[in-house]
Amino acid sequence: MPKYVMWGSYCDRVLEKREPFRQAHLAGIKQQKEAGLIVTIGPTADLSKVFAIYDAPDAETVRRAIESDPYWQHGIWTEYEVKEWIQAF
């Protein structure tokens, strides 16, 4: 199955703004992990960007997963880009 990477941006004051949505976000990520859709996800150390790797049949599946996340729906993630990734090693 193809792999996809996602780079996204966080809103300003992310730690404060994400709090009401954090548990729902983490529950959704856990479901995606258990289903084999998401390999890994996390923020950069400065909390400006988010990075994820997905195992998915196509980029549209990844976009649906991102756009159904409470962080996207409530403006915690402000933009994102999905690219198919070729894992060399």
C-alpha atoms as a PDB file:
ATOM      1  CA  MET A   1       0.000   0.000   0.000  1.00  0.00           C
ATOM      2  CA  PRO A   2       1.308   3.491  -0.756  1.00  0.00           C
ATOM      3  CA  LYS A   3       2.596   5.730   2.004  1.00  0.00           C
ATOM      4  CA  TYR A   4       1.759   9.415   2.312  1.00  0.00           C
ATOM      5  CA  VAL A   5       3.309  12.196   4.343  1.00  0.00           C
ATOM      6  CA  MET A   6       1.426  15.153   5.710  1.00  0.00           C
ATOM      7  CA  TRP A   7       2.969  18.457   6.734  1.00  0.00           C
ATOM      8  CA  GLY A   8       0.656  20.957   8.346  1.00  0.00           C
ATOM      9  CA  SER A   9       0.745  24.160  10.361  1.00  0.00           C
ATOM     10  CA  TYR A  10      -0.627  24.912  13.807  1.00  0.00           C
ATOM     11  CA  CYS A  11      -2.515  28.019  14.838  1.00  0.00           C
ATOM     12  CA  ASP A  12      -1.057  30.610  17.200  1.00  0.00           C
ATOM     13  CA  ARG A  13      -1.348  29.739  20.904  1.00  0.00           C
ATOM     14  CA  VAL A  14      -1.862  26.078  19.969  1.00  0.00           C
ATOM     15  CA  LEU A  15      -1.453  24.705  23.505  1.00  0.00           C
ATOM     16  CA  GLU A  16      -4.288  26.861  24.774  1.00  0.00           C
ATOM     17  CA  LYS A  17      -6.583  26.504  21.758  1.00  0.00           C
ATOM     18  CA  ARG A  18      -6.265  22.732  21.324  1.00  0.00           C
ATOM     19  CA  GLU A  19      -7.271  21.864  24.888  1.00  0.00           C
ATOM     20  CA  PRO A  20     -11.066  21.532  24.333  1.00  0.00           C
ATOM     21  CA  PHE A  21     -10.462  19.205  21.353  1.00  0.00           C
ATOM     22  CA  ARG A  22      -7.426  17.242  22.513  1.00  0.00           C
ATOM     23  CA  GLN A  23      -9.158  14.118  23.846  1.00  0.00           C
ATOM     24  CA  ALA A  24     -11.314  13.743  20.723  1.00  0.00           C
ATOM     25  CA  HIS A  25      -8.233  14.282  18.547  1.00  0.00           C
ATOM     26  CA  LEU A  26      -6.236  11.627  20.404  1.00  0.00           C
ATOM     27  CA  ALA A  27      -9.138   9.162  20.315  1.00  0.00           C
ATOM     28  CA  GLY A  28      -9.400   9.577  16.548  1.00  0.00           C
ATOM     29  CA  ILE A  29      -5.658   9.120  16.068  1.00  0.00           C
ATOM     30  CA  LYS A  30      -5.804   5.961  18.207  1.00  0.00           C
ATOM     31  CA  GLN A  31      -8.587   4.574  15.979  1.00  0.00           C
ATOM     32  CA  GLN A  32      -6.582   5.392  12.840  1.00  0.00           C
ATOM     33  CA  LYS A  33      -3.508   3.676  14.328  1.00  0.00           C
ATOM     34  CA  GLU A  34      -5.503   0.566  15.260  1.00  0.00           C
ATOM     35  CA  ALA A  35      -6.970   0.454  11.735  1.00  0.00           C
ATOM     36  CA  GLY A  36      -3.473   0.651  10.229  1.00  0.00           C
ATOM     37  CA  LEU A  37      -4.100   3.994   8.523  1.00  0.00           C
ATOM     38  CA  ILE A  38      -1.650   6.167  10.429  1.00  0.00           C
ATOM     39  CA  VAL A  39       1.936   5.143  11.073  1.00  0.00           C
ATOM     40  CA  THR A  40       3.028   8.144  13.142  1.00  0.00           C
ATOM     41  CA  ILE A  41       2.053  11.742  13.841  1.00  0.00           C
ATOM     42  CA  GLY A  42       3.389  14.555  15.965  1.00  0.00           C
ATOM     43  CA  PRO A  43       4.378  18.191  16.236  1.00  0.00           C
ATOM     44  CA  THR A  44       7.740  19.791  15.652  1.00  0.00           C
ATOM     45  CA  ALA A  45       9.501  20.832  18.853  1.00  0.00           C
ATOM     46  CA  ASP A  46       8.546  24.479  18.339  1.00  0.00           C
ATOM     47  CA  LEU A  47       4.846  23.527  17.888  1.00  0.00           C
ATOM     48  CA  SER A  48       4.629  25.297  14.542  1.00  0.00           C
ATOM     49  CA  LYS A  49       4.205  22.226  12.297  1.00  0.00           C
ATOM     50  CA  VAL A  50       2.625  18.790  12.404  1.00  0.00           C
ATOM     51  CA  PHE A  51       4.034  15.789  10.528  1.00  0.00           C
ATOM     52  CA  ALA A  52       2.399  12.435   9.851  1.00  0.00           C
ATOM     53  CA  ILE A  53       2.952   9.277   7.826  1.00  0.00           C
ATOM     54  CA  TYR A  54      -0.053   7.314   6.563  1.00  0.00           C
ATOM     55  CA  ASP A  55      -0.501   3.895   4.938  1.00  0.00           C
ATOM     56  CA  ALA A  56      -3.471   4.504   2.668  1.00  0.00           C
ATOM     57  CA  PRO A  57      -4.835   3.394  -0.687  1.00  0.00           C
ATOM     58  CA  ASP A  58      -4.841   6.984  -1.987  1.00  0.00           C
ATOM     59  CA  ALA A  59      -4.312  10.623  -1.035  1.00  0.00           C
ATOM     60  CA  GLU A  60      -8.061  11.233  -0.789  1.00  0.00           C
ATOM     61  CA  THR A  61      -8.295   8.755   2.098  1.00  0.00           C
ATOM     62  CA  VAL A  62      -5.583  10.719   3.903  1.00  0.00           C
ATOM     63  CA  ARG A  63      -7.350  14.041   3.232  1.00  0.00           C
ATOM     64  CA  ARG A  64     -10.625  12.652   4.612  1.00  0.00           C
ATOM     65  CA  ALA A  65      -8.833  11.490   7.764  1.00  0.00           C
ATOM     66  CA  ILE A  66      -7.193  14.889   8.248  1.00  0.00           C
ATOM     67  CA  GLU A  67     -10.349  16.873   7.572  1.00  0.00           C
ATOM     68  CA  SER A  68     -12.407  14.733   9.949  1.00  0.00           C
ATOM     69  CA  ASP A  69      -9.978  15.451  12.797  1.00  0.00           C
ATOM     70  CA  PRO A  70     -11.199  17.946  15.433  1.00  0.00           C
ATOM     71  CA  TYR A  71      -7.911  19.839  15.088  1.00  0.00           C
ATOM     72  CA  TRP A  72      -8.706  20.589  11.444  1.00  0.00           C
ATOM     73  CA  GLN A  73     -12.395  21.229  12.039  1.00  0.00           C
ATOM     74  CA  HIS A  74     -11.682  23.760  14.813  1.00  0.00           C
ATOM     75  CA  GLY A  75      -8.739  25.583  13.226  1.00  0.00           C
ATOM     76  CA  ILE A  76      -5.946  24.090  15.327  1.00  0.00           C
ATOM     77  CA  TRP A  77      -4.344  22.867  12.107  1.00  0.00           C
ATOM     78  CA  THR A  78      -4.494  25.829   9.751  1.00  0.00           C
ATOM     79  CA  GLU A  79      -3.194  24.262   6.533  1.00  0.00           C
ATOM     80  CA  TYR A  80      -1.787  20.967   5.334  1.00  0.00           C
ATOM     81  CA  GLU A  81      -0.176  19.305   2.353  1.00  0.00           C
ATOM     82  CA  VAL A  82      -0.240  15.594   1.475  1.00  0.00           C
ATOM     83  CA  LYS A  83       2.382  13.974  -0.740  1.00  0.00           C
ATOM     84  CA  GLU A  84       2.865  10.365  -1.754  1.00  0.00           C
ATOM     85  CA  TRP A  85       6.128   9.152  -0.247  1.00  0.00           C
ATOM     86  CA  ILE A  86       8.511   6.530  -1.560  1.00  0.00           C
ATOM     87  CA  GLN A  87      10.157   4.806   1.382  1.00  0.00           C
ATOM     88  CA  ALA A  88      13.697   4.043   0.188  1.00  0.00           C
ATOM     89  CA  PHE A  89      14.856   2.299   3.383  1.00  0.00           C
END
